[in-house]
């Protein structure tokens, strides 16, 4: 059965040292069965105290640091050697050209319609006007968009606009290092245009 563990540490009148000690000890018990070493406890307590009085942020910091500890990633008692780990030997480059597809999985919401926006559409339809009509007050002003060229594609628009915060994405697109795949989603089975509506379990055009 699936479960969820919640830890809440309110800010109290005790000293920061006592607050940090209590939080780290509880996390050590919950996440390492109490095996967290004294040296790692001190590192995490120091970071915890530096983040106070924001208890939520301090607790997140302590959790993140504890998750990097060797005690969290093992089931036995950890004995520190005190020796630095040797640098791994890097593989010899092949010299062959290389390309990769990088999938970015957002752990939250991404408003794709305010990420890639119709800009200049000289065809049968003004897609920016339609976008503005549908999005209303949350539509991005055309003047704020970072324009990218799509004139050589088969799209209805000659150019699109990116959110003004995506300057790096615009640069990668202009350099030919990035492409957009739009109106795509998850297929649960092989599907064609005749049966996609019947056979698609999840939203296809996500």
N, C-alpha and C. Protein backbone atom coordinates (compact mmCIF):
# COMPACT_ATOMS: atom_id res chain seq x y z
N UNK A 1 0.84 -1.18 0.00
CA UNK A 1 0.00 0.00 0.00
C UNK A 1 0.88 1.24 0.00
N UNK A 2 0.46 2.25 -0.71
CA UNK A 2 1.21 3.50 -0.77
C UNK A 2 0.94 4.32 0.47
N UNK A 3 1.92 5.05 0.92
CA UNK A 3 1.75 5.91 2.10
C UNK A 3 2.52 7.19 1.94
N UNK A 4 2.29 8.12 2.83
CA UNK A 4 2.97 9.42 2.78
C UNK A 4 3.40 9.79 4.19
N UNK A 5 4.66 10.18 4.32
CA UNK A 5 5.21 10.56 5.60
C UNK A 5 5.35 12.07 5.66
N UNK A 6 4.81 12.67 6.70
CA UNK A 6 4.85 14.12 6.84
C UNK A 6 5.55 14.47 8.15
N UNK A 7 6.49 15.41 8.08
CA UNK A 7 7.19 15.88 9.27
C UNK A 7 6.99 17.38 9.38
N UNK A 8 6.48 17.84 10.51
CA UNK A 8 6.24 19.27 10.72
C UNK A 8 7.03 19.71 11.94
N UNK A 9 7.84 20.75 11.78
CA UNK A 9 8.66 21.27 12.87
C UNK A 9 8.37 22.75 13.07
N UNK A 10 7.46 23.11 13.97
CA UNK A 10 7.16 24.53 14.18
C UNK A 10 8.33 25.25 14.84
N UNK A 11 8.43 26.55 14.58
CA UNK A 11 9.47 27.35 15.22
C UNK A 11 9.07 27.61 16.66
N UNK A 12 9.93 27.29 17.60
CA UNK A 12 9.60 27.42 19.01
C UNK A 12 10.52 28.43 19.68
N UNK A 13 10.30 28.61 20.98
CA UNK A 13 11.08 29.59 21.73
C UNK A 13 12.44 29.04 22.15
N UNK A 14 12.70 27.77 21.92
CA UNK A 14 13.99 27.21 22.31
C UNK A 14 15.08 27.80 21.43
N UNK A 15 16.32 27.56 21.82
CA UNK A 15 17.45 28.12 21.07
C UNK A 15 17.56 27.47 19.70
N UNK A 16 18.26 28.16 18.81
CA UNK A 16 18.46 27.62 17.47
C UNK A 16 19.21 26.29 17.53
N UNK A 17 20.17 26.18 18.47
CA UNK A 17 20.91 24.92 18.61
C UNK A 17 19.99 23.77 18.96
N UNK A 18 19.08 24.02 19.93
CA UNK A 18 18.15 22.96 20.33
C UNK A 18 17.18 22.62 19.20
N UNK A 19 16.72 23.67 18.49
CA UNK A 19 15.81 23.45 17.37
C UNK A 19 16.47 22.60 16.28
N UNK A 20 17.72 22.93 15.94
CA UNK A 20 18.44 22.18 14.92
C UNK A 20 18.71 20.76 15.38
N UNK A 21 19.09 20.60 16.64
CA UNK A 21 19.37 19.27 17.19
C UNK A 21 18.13 18.38 17.10
N UNK A 22 16.98 18.92 17.48
CA UNK A 22 15.75 18.13 17.45
C UNK A 22 15.36 17.75 16.03
N UNK A 23 15.47 18.70 15.10
CA UNK A 23 15.07 18.43 13.71
C UNK A 23 15.97 17.39 13.07
N UNK A 24 17.29 17.54 13.24
CA UNK A 24 18.23 16.61 12.61
C UNK A 24 18.12 15.22 13.22
N UNK A 25 17.91 15.14 14.54
CA UNK A 25 17.75 13.83 15.18
C UNK A 25 16.50 13.12 14.67
N UNK A 26 15.41 13.86 14.50
CA UNK A 26 14.18 13.25 13.99
C UNK A 26 14.37 12.77 12.55
N UNK A 27 15.01 13.60 11.74
CA UNK A 27 15.25 13.20 10.35
C UNK A 27 16.19 12.00 10.28
N UNK A 28 17.20 11.98 11.16
CA UNK A 28 18.11 10.85 11.18
C UNK A 28 17.38 9.56 11.53
N UNK A 29 16.45 9.64 12.49
CA UNK A 29 15.68 8.46 12.88
C UNK A 29 14.77 8.00 11.74
N UNK A 30 14.10 8.97 11.10
CA UNK A 30 13.14 8.62 10.04
C UNK A 30 13.81 8.11 8.78
N UNK A 31 14.95 8.70 8.40
CA UNK A 31 15.52 8.44 7.08
C UNK A 31 16.77 7.56 7.10
N UNK A 32 17.42 7.42 8.25
CA UNK A 32 18.62 6.57 8.30
C UNK A 32 18.60 5.60 9.48
N UNK A 33 17.44 5.46 10.13
CA UNK A 33 17.34 4.59 11.33
C UNK A 33 18.34 5.00 12.40
N UNK A 34 18.62 6.30 12.48
CA UNK A 34 19.52 6.80 13.52
C UNK A 34 20.99 6.57 13.23
N UNK A 35 21.36 6.25 12.00
CA UNK A 35 22.75 5.92 11.67
C UNK A 35 23.56 7.13 11.19
N UNK A 36 22.97 8.30 11.18
CA UNK A 36 23.68 9.47 10.68
C UNK A 36 24.87 9.79 11.59
N UNK A 37 26.05 9.93 11.00
CA UNK A 37 27.27 10.16 11.78
C UNK A 37 27.26 11.53 12.44
N UNK A 38 28.05 11.65 13.50
CA UNK A 38 28.12 12.93 14.22
C UNK A 38 28.62 14.05 13.32
N UNK A 39 29.59 13.73 12.46
CA UNK A 39 30.15 14.78 11.59
C UNK A 39 29.10 15.26 10.60
N UNK A 40 28.33 14.35 10.03
CA UNK A 40 27.28 14.76 9.10
C UNK A 40 26.15 15.49 9.82
N UNK A 41 25.86 15.09 11.04
CA UNK A 41 24.85 15.81 11.82
C UNK A 41 25.25 17.26 12.02
N UNK A 42 26.52 17.49 12.33
CA UNK A 42 26.99 18.85 12.57
C UNK A 42 26.88 19.70 11.31
N UNK A 43 27.20 19.11 10.16
CA UNK A 43 27.10 19.84 8.89
C UNK A 43 25.64 20.25 8.63
N UNK A 44 24.72 19.31 8.85
CA UNK A 44 23.30 19.57 8.57
C UNK A 44 22.73 20.55 9.59
N UNK A 45 23.13 20.40 10.85
CA UNK A 45 22.63 21.33 11.88
C UNK A 45 23.10 22.76 11.59
N UNK A 46 24.34 22.89 11.15
CA UNK A 46 24.86 24.23 10.82
C UNK A 46 24.05 24.86 9.70
N UNK A 47 23.76 24.09 8.66
CA UNK A 47 22.95 24.61 7.54
C UNK A 47 21.53 24.92 8.00
N UNK A 48 20.99 24.10 8.88
CA UNK A 48 19.64 24.32 9.41
C UNK A 48 19.58 25.66 10.15
N UNK A 49 20.54 25.89 11.03
CA UNK A 49 20.54 27.12 11.82
C UNK A 49 20.72 28.36 10.95
N UNK A 50 21.53 28.23 9.90
CA UNK A 50 21.76 29.37 9.02
C UNK A 50 20.51 29.75 8.24
N UNK A 51 19.57 28.82 8.11
CA UNK A 51 18.33 29.08 7.34
C UNK A 51 17.20 29.58 8.23
N UNK A 52 17.34 29.41 9.56
CA UNK A 52 16.31 29.93 10.47
C UNK A 52 16.27 31.46 10.41
N UNK A 53 15.11 32.10 10.72
CA UNK A 53 13.90 31.53 11.35
C UNK A 53 12.88 30.92 10.40
N UNK A 54 13.19 30.80 9.11
CA UNK A 54 12.25 30.17 8.19
C UNK A 54 12.34 28.66 8.39
N UNK A 55 11.45 28.12 9.24
CA UNK A 55 11.54 26.71 9.63
C UNK A 55 11.30 25.78 8.44
N UNK A 56 10.34 26.14 7.58
CA UNK A 56 10.06 25.29 6.42
C UNK A 56 11.29 25.18 5.52
N UNK A 57 11.93 26.32 5.27
CA UNK A 57 13.13 26.31 4.42
C UNK A 57 14.27 25.57 5.11
N UNK A 58 14.40 25.74 6.42
CA UNK A 58 15.45 25.05 7.17
C UNK A 58 15.25 23.54 7.12
N UNK A 59 13.99 23.11 7.26
CA UNK A 59 13.70 21.68 7.21
C UNK A 59 13.98 21.10 5.82
N UNK A 60 13.61 21.86 4.78
CA UNK A 60 13.91 21.41 3.41
C UNK A 60 15.42 21.28 3.20
N UNK A 61 16.16 22.27 3.69
CA UNK A 61 17.62 22.23 3.56
C UNK A 61 18.19 21.00 4.26
N UNK A 62 17.72 20.72 5.47
CA UNK A 62 18.20 19.56 6.21
C UNK A 62 17.86 18.26 5.48
N UNK A 63 16.66 18.18 4.94
CA UNK A 63 16.26 16.98 4.20
C UNK A 63 17.15 16.77 2.97
N UNK A 64 17.37 17.85 2.23
CA UNK A 64 18.17 17.75 1.02
C UNK A 64 19.60 17.30 1.33
N UNK A 65 20.19 17.86 2.39
CA UNK A 65 21.54 17.47 2.76
C UNK A 65 21.59 16.03 3.24
N UNK A 66 20.59 15.63 4.02
CA UNK A 66 20.58 14.26 4.52
C UNK A 66 20.46 13.25 3.39
N UNK A 67 19.70 13.63 2.35
CA UNK A 67 19.53 12.72 1.22
C UNK A 67 20.82 12.53 0.43
N UNK A 68 21.80 13.39 0.63
CA UNK A 68 23.11 13.23 -0.04
C UNK A 68 24.09 12.44 0.81
N UNK A 69 23.71 12.08 2.03
CA UNK A 69 24.64 11.41 2.94
C UNK A 69 24.79 9.93 2.58
N UNK A 70 25.95 9.33 2.86
CA UNK A 70 26.13 7.90 2.60
C UNK A 70 25.22 7.04 3.46
N UNK A 71 24.85 7.53 4.66
CA UNK A 71 23.97 6.74 5.53
C UNK A 71 22.60 6.55 4.91
N UNK A 72 22.12 7.53 4.16
CA UNK A 72 20.81 7.40 3.52
C UNK A 72 20.85 6.37 2.40
N UNK A 73 22.00 6.22 1.76
CA UNK A 73 22.11 5.35 0.59
C UNK A 73 22.67 3.97 0.94
N UNK A 74 22.67 3.62 2.19
CA UNK A 74 23.15 2.31 2.59
C UNK A 74 22.28 1.77 3.72
N UNK A 75 22.46 0.51 4.01
CA UNK A 75 21.68 -0.10 5.09
C UNK A 75 22.56 -0.55 6.24
N UNK A 76 23.90 -0.37 6.16
CA UNK A 76 24.78 -0.74 7.27
C UNK A 76 25.34 0.52 7.93
N UNK A 77 26.12 0.28 8.95
CA UNK A 77 26.84 1.38 9.59
C UNK A 77 27.93 1.86 8.63
N UNK A 78 28.02 3.15 8.42
CA UNK A 78 28.99 3.72 7.49
C UNK A 78 30.25 4.11 8.26
N UNK A 79 31.39 3.66 7.77
CA UNK A 79 32.67 4.01 8.38
C UNK A 79 33.45 4.87 7.40
N UNK A 80 33.74 6.10 7.82
CA UNK A 80 34.46 7.03 6.94
C UNK A 80 35.94 6.66 6.88
N UNK A 81 36.48 6.63 5.67
CA UNK A 81 37.90 6.33 5.51
C UNK A 81 38.77 7.57 5.69
N UNK A 82 38.19 8.73 5.47
CA UNK A 82 38.96 9.97 5.55
C UNK A 82 39.77 10.26 4.31
N UNK A 83 39.70 9.36 3.33
CA UNK A 83 40.47 9.54 2.10
C UNK A 83 39.58 10.09 1.00
N UNK A 84 40.15 10.95 0.18
CA UNK A 84 39.41 11.50 -0.95
C UNK A 84 39.25 10.43 -2.03
N UNK A 85 38.09 10.42 -2.66
CA UNK A 85 37.85 9.45 -3.72
C UNK A 85 38.66 9.84 -4.96
N UNK A 86 39.25 8.84 -5.59
CA UNK A 86 40.08 9.11 -6.77
C UNK A 86 39.22 9.63 -7.91
N UNK A 87 39.78 10.55 -8.68
CA UNK A 87 39.07 11.07 -9.83
C UNK A 87 38.90 9.98 -10.89
N UNK A 88 37.69 9.78 -11.41
CA UNK A 88 37.52 8.74 -12.43
C UNK A 88 38.25 9.11 -13.72
N UNK A 89 38.72 8.09 -14.41
CA UNK A 89 39.43 8.33 -15.66
C UNK A 89 38.39 8.60 -16.76
N UNK A 90 38.55 9.70 -17.44
CA UNK A 90 37.59 10.08 -18.48
C UNK A 90 37.80 9.22 -19.72
N UNK A 91 36.71 8.82 -20.38
CA UNK A 91 36.85 8.02 -21.60
C UNK A 91 37.46 8.85 -22.73
N UNK A 92 38.13 8.16 -23.61
CA UNK A 92 38.73 8.84 -24.76
C UNK A 92 37.62 9.26 -25.73
N UNK A 93 37.61 10.52 -26.16
CA UNK A 93 36.58 10.95 -27.12
C UNK A 93 36.72 10.22 -28.45
N UNK A 94 35.60 9.86 -29.04
CA UNK A 94 35.63 9.10 -30.30
C UNK A 94 35.92 9.99 -31.50
N UNK A 95 35.64 11.28 -31.36
CA UNK A 95 35.82 12.18 -32.49
C UNK A 95 34.65 12.19 -33.45
N UNK A 96 33.66 11.31 -33.22
CA UNK A 96 32.49 11.25 -34.09
C UNK A 96 31.48 12.31 -33.67
N UNK A 97 30.75 12.89 -34.63
CA UNK A 97 29.72 13.87 -34.27
C UNK A 97 28.63 13.21 -33.43
N UNK A 98 28.07 13.97 -32.55
CA UNK A 98 27.09 13.41 -31.61
C UNK A 98 25.93 14.37 -31.43
N UNK A 99 24.73 13.82 -31.44
CA UNK A 99 23.54 14.59 -31.15
C UNK A 99 22.68 13.80 -30.17
N UNK A 100 21.94 14.51 -29.34
CA UNK A 100 21.08 13.85 -28.37
C UNK A 100 19.74 14.56 -28.31
N UNK A 101 18.71 13.82 -27.99
CA UNK A 101 17.41 14.41 -27.69
C UNK A 101 17.28 14.49 -26.17
N UNK A 102 17.08 15.67 -25.67
CA UNK A 102 16.97 15.88 -24.23
C UNK A 102 15.51 16.11 -23.88
N UNK A 103 14.96 15.25 -23.02
CA UNK A 103 13.59 15.41 -22.55
C UNK A 103 13.62 16.15 -21.22
N UNK A 104 12.87 17.22 -21.14
CA UNK A 104 12.77 17.98 -19.89
C UNK A 104 11.43 17.66 -19.26
N UNK A 105 11.45 16.96 -18.12
CA UNK A 105 10.23 16.60 -17.42
C UNK A 105 10.01 17.61 -16.29
N UNK A 106 8.98 18.41 -16.41
CA UNK A 106 8.70 19.44 -15.42
C UNK A 106 7.98 18.83 -14.23
N UNK A 107 8.54 19.04 -13.04
CA UNK A 107 7.88 18.57 -11.82
C UNK A 107 6.88 19.60 -11.34
N UNK A 108 5.95 19.94 -12.16
CA UNK A 108 4.97 20.97 -11.82
C UNK A 108 4.27 21.42 -13.08
N UNK A 109 3.67 22.56 -13.04
CA UNK A 109 2.92 23.05 -14.18
C UNK A 109 3.78 23.85 -15.13
N UNK A 110 3.61 23.62 -16.41
CA UNK A 110 4.26 24.44 -17.44
C UNK A 110 3.16 24.93 -18.37
N UNK A 111 2.90 26.20 -18.37
CA UNK A 111 1.86 26.76 -19.22
C UNK A 111 2.45 26.90 -20.62
N UNK A 112 2.30 25.84 -21.43
CA UNK A 112 2.95 25.82 -22.74
C UNK A 112 2.42 26.91 -23.66
N UNK A 113 1.17 27.36 -23.45
CA UNK A 113 0.61 28.39 -24.31
C UNK A 113 1.16 29.78 -23.99
N UNK A 114 1.87 29.91 -22.87
CA UNK A 114 2.60 31.13 -22.59
C UNK A 114 4.10 30.90 -22.67
N UNK A 115 4.48 29.77 -23.26
CA UNK A 115 5.89 29.47 -23.50
C UNK A 115 6.20 29.65 -24.98
N UNK A 116 5.36 29.06 -25.84
CA UNK A 116 5.50 29.19 -27.29
C UNK A 116 4.19 29.75 -27.83
N UNK A 117 4.26 30.94 -28.39
CA UNK A 117 3.07 31.71 -28.73
C UNK A 117 3.08 32.08 -30.22
N UNK A 118 1.94 31.99 -30.91
CA UNK A 118 1.90 32.51 -32.29
C UNK A 118 2.31 33.97 -32.33
N UNK A 119 3.09 34.35 -33.33
CA UNK A 119 3.55 35.75 -33.41
C UNK A 119 3.05 36.40 -34.69
N UNK A 120 3.63 36.07 -35.81
CA UNK A 120 3.25 36.68 -37.09
C UNK A 120 2.69 35.59 -38.00
N UNK A 121 1.41 35.71 -38.34
CA UNK A 121 0.74 34.68 -39.14
C UNK A 121 0.08 35.38 -40.33
N UNK A 122 0.66 35.23 -41.50
CA UNK A 122 0.14 35.91 -42.70
C UNK A 122 -0.73 35.00 -43.55
N UNK A 123 -1.03 33.81 -43.04
CA UNK A 123 -1.82 32.85 -43.79
C UNK A 123 -3.31 33.11 -43.67
N UNK A 124 -4.07 32.03 -43.61
CA UNK A 124 -5.52 32.15 -43.62
C UNK A 124 -6.09 32.57 -42.27
N UNK A 125 -5.26 32.59 -41.24
CA UNK A 125 -5.77 32.84 -39.90
C UNK A 125 -4.74 33.61 -39.07
N UNK A 126 -5.21 34.59 -38.32
CA UNK A 126 -4.34 35.33 -37.40
C UNK A 126 -4.34 34.59 -36.07
N UNK A 127 -3.36 33.73 -35.89
CA UNK A 127 -3.34 32.88 -34.70
C UNK A 127 -3.04 33.68 -33.44
N UNK A 128 -2.28 34.78 -33.55
CA UNK A 128 -2.04 35.57 -32.35
C UNK A 128 -3.33 36.23 -31.87
N UNK A 129 -4.16 36.71 -32.79
CA UNK A 129 -5.43 37.31 -32.40
C UNK A 129 -6.31 36.28 -31.71
N UNK A 130 -6.31 35.05 -32.23
CA UNK A 130 -7.09 33.99 -31.59
C UNK A 130 -6.54 33.65 -30.22
N UNK A 131 -5.22 33.57 -30.12
CA UNK A 131 -4.56 33.33 -28.83
C UNK A 131 -4.95 34.40 -27.82
N UNK A 132 -4.91 35.65 -28.25
CA UNK A 132 -5.24 36.77 -27.37
C UNK A 132 -6.70 36.72 -26.93
N UNK A 133 -7.56 36.32 -27.83
CA UNK A 133 -8.99 36.23 -27.51
C UNK A 133 -9.26 35.12 -26.50
N UNK A 134 -8.59 34.00 -26.66
CA UNK A 134 -8.82 32.86 -25.77
C UNK A 134 -8.15 33.07 -24.41
N UNK A 135 -6.95 33.59 -24.41
CA UNK A 135 -6.18 33.72 -23.16
C UNK A 135 -6.58 34.95 -22.36
N UNK A 136 -7.14 35.92 -23.04
CA UNK A 136 -7.62 37.15 -22.38
C UNK A 136 -6.52 37.80 -21.56
N UNK A 137 -6.75 38.01 -20.24
CA UNK A 137 -5.82 38.83 -19.46
C UNK A 137 -4.47 38.16 -19.21
N UNK A 138 -4.36 36.85 -19.41
CA UNK A 138 -3.07 36.20 -19.19
C UNK A 138 -2.27 36.03 -20.48
N UNK A 139 -2.80 36.54 -21.59
CA UNK A 139 -2.05 36.49 -22.85
C UNK A 139 -0.82 37.38 -22.76
N UNK A 140 0.27 36.94 -23.32
CA UNK A 140 1.49 37.75 -23.34
C UNK A 140 1.40 38.79 -24.45
N UNK A 141 1.74 40.05 -24.16
CA UNK A 141 1.75 41.06 -25.22
C UNK A 141 2.75 40.70 -26.31
N UNK A 142 2.36 40.93 -27.56
CA UNK A 142 3.25 40.58 -28.67
C UNK A 142 4.59 41.30 -28.56
N UNK A 143 4.57 42.51 -28.04
CA UNK A 143 5.81 43.29 -27.94
C UNK A 143 6.81 42.68 -26.96
N UNK A 144 6.33 41.82 -26.04
CA UNK A 144 7.22 41.23 -25.04
C UNK A 144 7.83 39.92 -25.51
N UNK A 145 7.33 39.35 -26.60
CA UNK A 145 7.75 38.02 -27.05
C UNK A 145 9.12 38.04 -27.70
N UNK A 146 9.85 36.97 -27.53
CA UNK A 146 11.13 36.79 -28.21
C UNK A 146 10.86 36.02 -29.50
N UNK A 147 10.96 36.70 -30.63
CA UNK A 147 10.52 36.13 -31.90
C UNK A 147 11.52 35.10 -32.43
N UNK A 148 10.98 33.99 -32.95
CA UNK A 148 11.80 32.98 -33.63
C UNK A 148 11.19 32.70 -35.00
N UNK A 149 12.03 32.45 -35.96
CA UNK A 149 11.60 32.30 -37.35
C UNK A 149 11.07 30.88 -37.61
N UNK A 150 9.91 30.80 -38.28
CA UNK A 150 9.34 29.50 -38.66
C UNK A 150 8.93 29.53 -40.12
N UNK A 151 9.52 30.44 -40.90
CA UNK A 151 9.09 30.65 -42.29
C UNK A 151 9.41 29.46 -43.19
N UNK A 152 10.39 28.64 -42.81
CA UNK A 152 10.73 27.50 -43.65
C UNK A 152 9.97 26.23 -43.25
N UNK A 153 9.09 26.34 -42.25
CA UNK A 153 8.32 25.18 -41.81
C UNK A 153 6.97 25.18 -42.52
N UNK A 154 6.17 24.17 -42.21
CA UNK A 154 4.82 24.11 -42.79
C UNK A 154 3.78 24.62 -41.81
N UNK A 155 4.21 25.45 -40.86
CA UNK A 155 3.30 26.00 -39.86
C UNK A 155 2.47 27.14 -40.45
N UNK A 156 1.35 27.42 -39.80
CA UNK A 156 0.46 28.48 -40.28
C UNK A 156 1.07 29.85 -40.00
N UNK A 157 2.01 29.91 -39.07
CA UNK A 157 2.64 31.19 -38.72
C UNK A 157 4.06 31.27 -39.29
N UNK A 158 4.44 32.47 -39.72
CA UNK A 158 5.80 32.70 -40.21
C UNK A 158 6.80 32.80 -39.07
N UNK A 159 6.30 33.19 -37.91
CA UNK A 159 7.19 33.26 -36.74
C UNK A 159 6.36 33.03 -35.48
N UNK A 160 7.06 32.56 -34.47
CA UNK A 160 6.45 32.36 -33.16
C UNK A 160 7.20 33.21 -32.15
N UNK A 161 6.61 33.34 -30.97
CA UNK A 161 7.25 34.11 -29.92
C UNK A 161 7.44 33.27 -28.67
N UNK A 162 8.57 33.45 -28.02
CA UNK A 162 8.85 32.76 -26.77
C UNK A 162 8.61 33.70 -25.60
N UNK A 163 8.34 33.11 -24.45
CA UNK A 163 8.20 33.89 -23.22
C UNK A 163 9.46 34.74 -23.02
N UNK A 164 9.30 35.98 -22.57
CA UNK A 164 10.46 36.88 -22.45
C UNK A 164 11.57 36.38 -21.54
N UNK A 165 11.28 35.40 -20.66
CA UNK A 165 12.31 34.87 -19.78
C UNK A 165 13.15 33.78 -20.45
N UNK A 166 12.78 33.39 -21.67
CA UNK A 166 13.44 32.25 -22.32
C UNK A 166 14.46 32.70 -23.37
N UNK A 167 15.29 33.65 -23.01
CA UNK A 167 16.30 34.18 -23.92
C UNK A 167 17.28 33.08 -24.33
N UNK A 168 17.65 32.20 -23.39
CA UNK A 168 18.59 31.12 -23.71
C UNK A 168 17.97 30.14 -24.70
N UNK A 169 16.67 29.88 -24.55
CA UNK A 169 15.98 28.98 -25.47
C UNK A 169 15.95 29.58 -26.87
N UNK A 170 15.70 30.88 -26.96
CA UNK A 170 15.72 31.56 -28.26
C UNK A 170 17.09 31.41 -28.92
N UNK A 171 18.16 31.58 -28.14
CA UNK A 171 19.50 31.45 -28.68
C UNK A 171 19.78 30.05 -29.20
N UNK A 172 19.36 29.03 -28.45
CA UNK A 172 19.57 27.64 -28.89
C UNK A 172 18.78 27.34 -30.15
N UNK A 173 17.56 27.87 -30.23
CA UNK A 173 16.75 27.65 -31.44
C UNK A 173 17.42 28.31 -32.65
N UNK A 174 17.86 29.55 -32.46
CA UNK A 174 18.48 30.28 -33.58
C UNK A 174 19.79 29.63 -34.03
N UNK A 175 20.47 28.94 -33.10
CA UNK A 175 21.73 28.26 -33.44
C UNK A 175 21.50 26.86 -34.02
N UNK A 176 20.24 26.45 -34.11
CA UNK A 176 19.93 25.12 -34.64
C UNK A 176 20.13 24.00 -33.65
N UNK A 177 20.20 24.33 -32.35
CA UNK A 177 20.43 23.32 -31.32
C UNK A 177 19.15 22.89 -30.61
N UNK A 178 18.02 23.43 -30.99
CA UNK A 178 16.77 23.13 -30.29
C UNK A 178 15.60 23.20 -31.25
N UNK A 179 14.66 22.29 -31.11
CA UNK A 179 13.42 22.28 -31.88
C UNK A 179 12.24 22.13 -30.93
N UNK A 180 11.08 22.53 -31.39
CA UNK A 180 9.85 22.36 -30.61
C UNK A 180 8.99 21.27 -31.23
N UNK A 181 8.48 20.38 -30.38
CA UNK A 181 7.47 19.40 -30.78
C UNK A 181 6.18 19.83 -30.11
N UNK A 182 5.21 20.28 -30.88
CA UNK A 182 3.96 20.75 -30.29
C UNK A 182 2.82 19.79 -30.61
N UNK A 183 1.73 19.93 -29.84
CA UNK A 183 0.55 19.07 -30.02
C UNK A 183 0.92 17.60 -29.98
N UNK A 184 1.74 17.25 -29.01
CA UNK A 184 2.13 15.84 -28.85
C UNK A 184 1.72 15.37 -27.47
N UNK A 185 1.52 14.09 -27.35
CA UNK A 185 1.13 13.53 -26.07
C UNK A 185 1.54 12.08 -25.96
N UNK A 186 0.92 11.35 -25.05
CA UNK A 186 1.30 9.98 -24.76
C UNK A 186 0.35 9.00 -25.44
N UNK A 187 0.89 8.07 -26.21
CA UNK A 187 0.09 7.00 -26.81
C UNK A 187 0.16 5.76 -25.94
N UNK A 188 -0.99 5.16 -25.66
CA UNK A 188 -1.02 3.92 -24.88
C UNK A 188 -0.94 2.70 -25.78
N UNK A 189 -1.18 2.87 -27.07
CA UNK A 189 -1.08 1.77 -28.03
C UNK A 189 -0.93 2.38 -29.42
N UNK A 190 -0.60 1.56 -30.40
CA UNK A 190 -0.47 2.05 -31.76
C UNK A 190 -1.82 2.58 -32.23
N UNK A 191 -1.80 3.79 -32.78
CA UNK A 191 -3.04 4.50 -33.08
C UNK A 191 -2.94 5.19 -34.42
N UNK A 192 -4.04 5.30 -35.13
CA UNK A 192 -4.07 6.08 -36.37
C UNK A 192 -5.22 7.07 -36.31
N UNK A 193 -5.39 7.84 -37.37
CA UNK A 193 -6.38 8.91 -37.34
C UNK A 193 -7.81 8.40 -37.29
N UNK A 194 -8.01 7.11 -37.60
CA UNK A 194 -9.36 6.55 -37.57
C UNK A 194 -9.78 6.12 -36.17
N UNK A 195 -8.80 5.70 -35.33
CA UNK A 195 -9.19 5.14 -34.04
C UNK A 195 -8.58 5.86 -32.83
N UNK A 196 -7.88 6.99 -33.04
CA UNK A 196 -7.20 7.63 -31.94
C UNK A 196 -8.16 8.07 -30.85
N UNK A 197 -9.34 8.55 -31.23
CA UNK A 197 -10.28 9.04 -30.21
C UNK A 197 -10.77 7.88 -29.33
N UNK A 198 -11.01 6.72 -29.93
CA UNK A 198 -11.52 5.57 -29.19
C UNK A 198 -10.44 4.90 -28.35
N UNK A 199 -9.21 4.84 -28.88
CA UNK A 199 -8.18 4.04 -28.26
C UNK A 199 -7.23 4.83 -27.36
N UNK A 200 -7.37 6.14 -27.31
CA UNK A 200 -6.46 6.95 -26.50
C UNK A 200 -7.01 7.10 -25.10
N UNK A 201 -6.25 6.62 -24.12
CA UNK A 201 -6.70 6.68 -22.72
C UNK A 201 -6.36 8.05 -22.13
N UNK A 202 -5.11 8.49 -22.33
CA UNK A 202 -4.70 9.80 -21.83
C UNK A 202 -4.95 10.86 -22.89
N UNK A 203 -4.87 12.12 -22.47
CA UNK A 203 -5.09 13.21 -23.42
C UNK A 203 -3.96 13.20 -24.46
N UNK A 204 -4.30 13.00 -25.70
CA UNK A 204 -3.29 12.84 -26.74
C UNK A 204 -2.55 14.13 -27.02
N UNK A 205 -3.30 15.21 -27.22
CA UNK A 205 -2.67 16.48 -27.60
C UNK A 205 -2.38 17.30 -26.35
N UNK A 206 -1.46 16.79 -25.51
CA UNK A 206 -1.16 17.45 -24.25
C UNK A 206 -0.20 18.61 -24.48
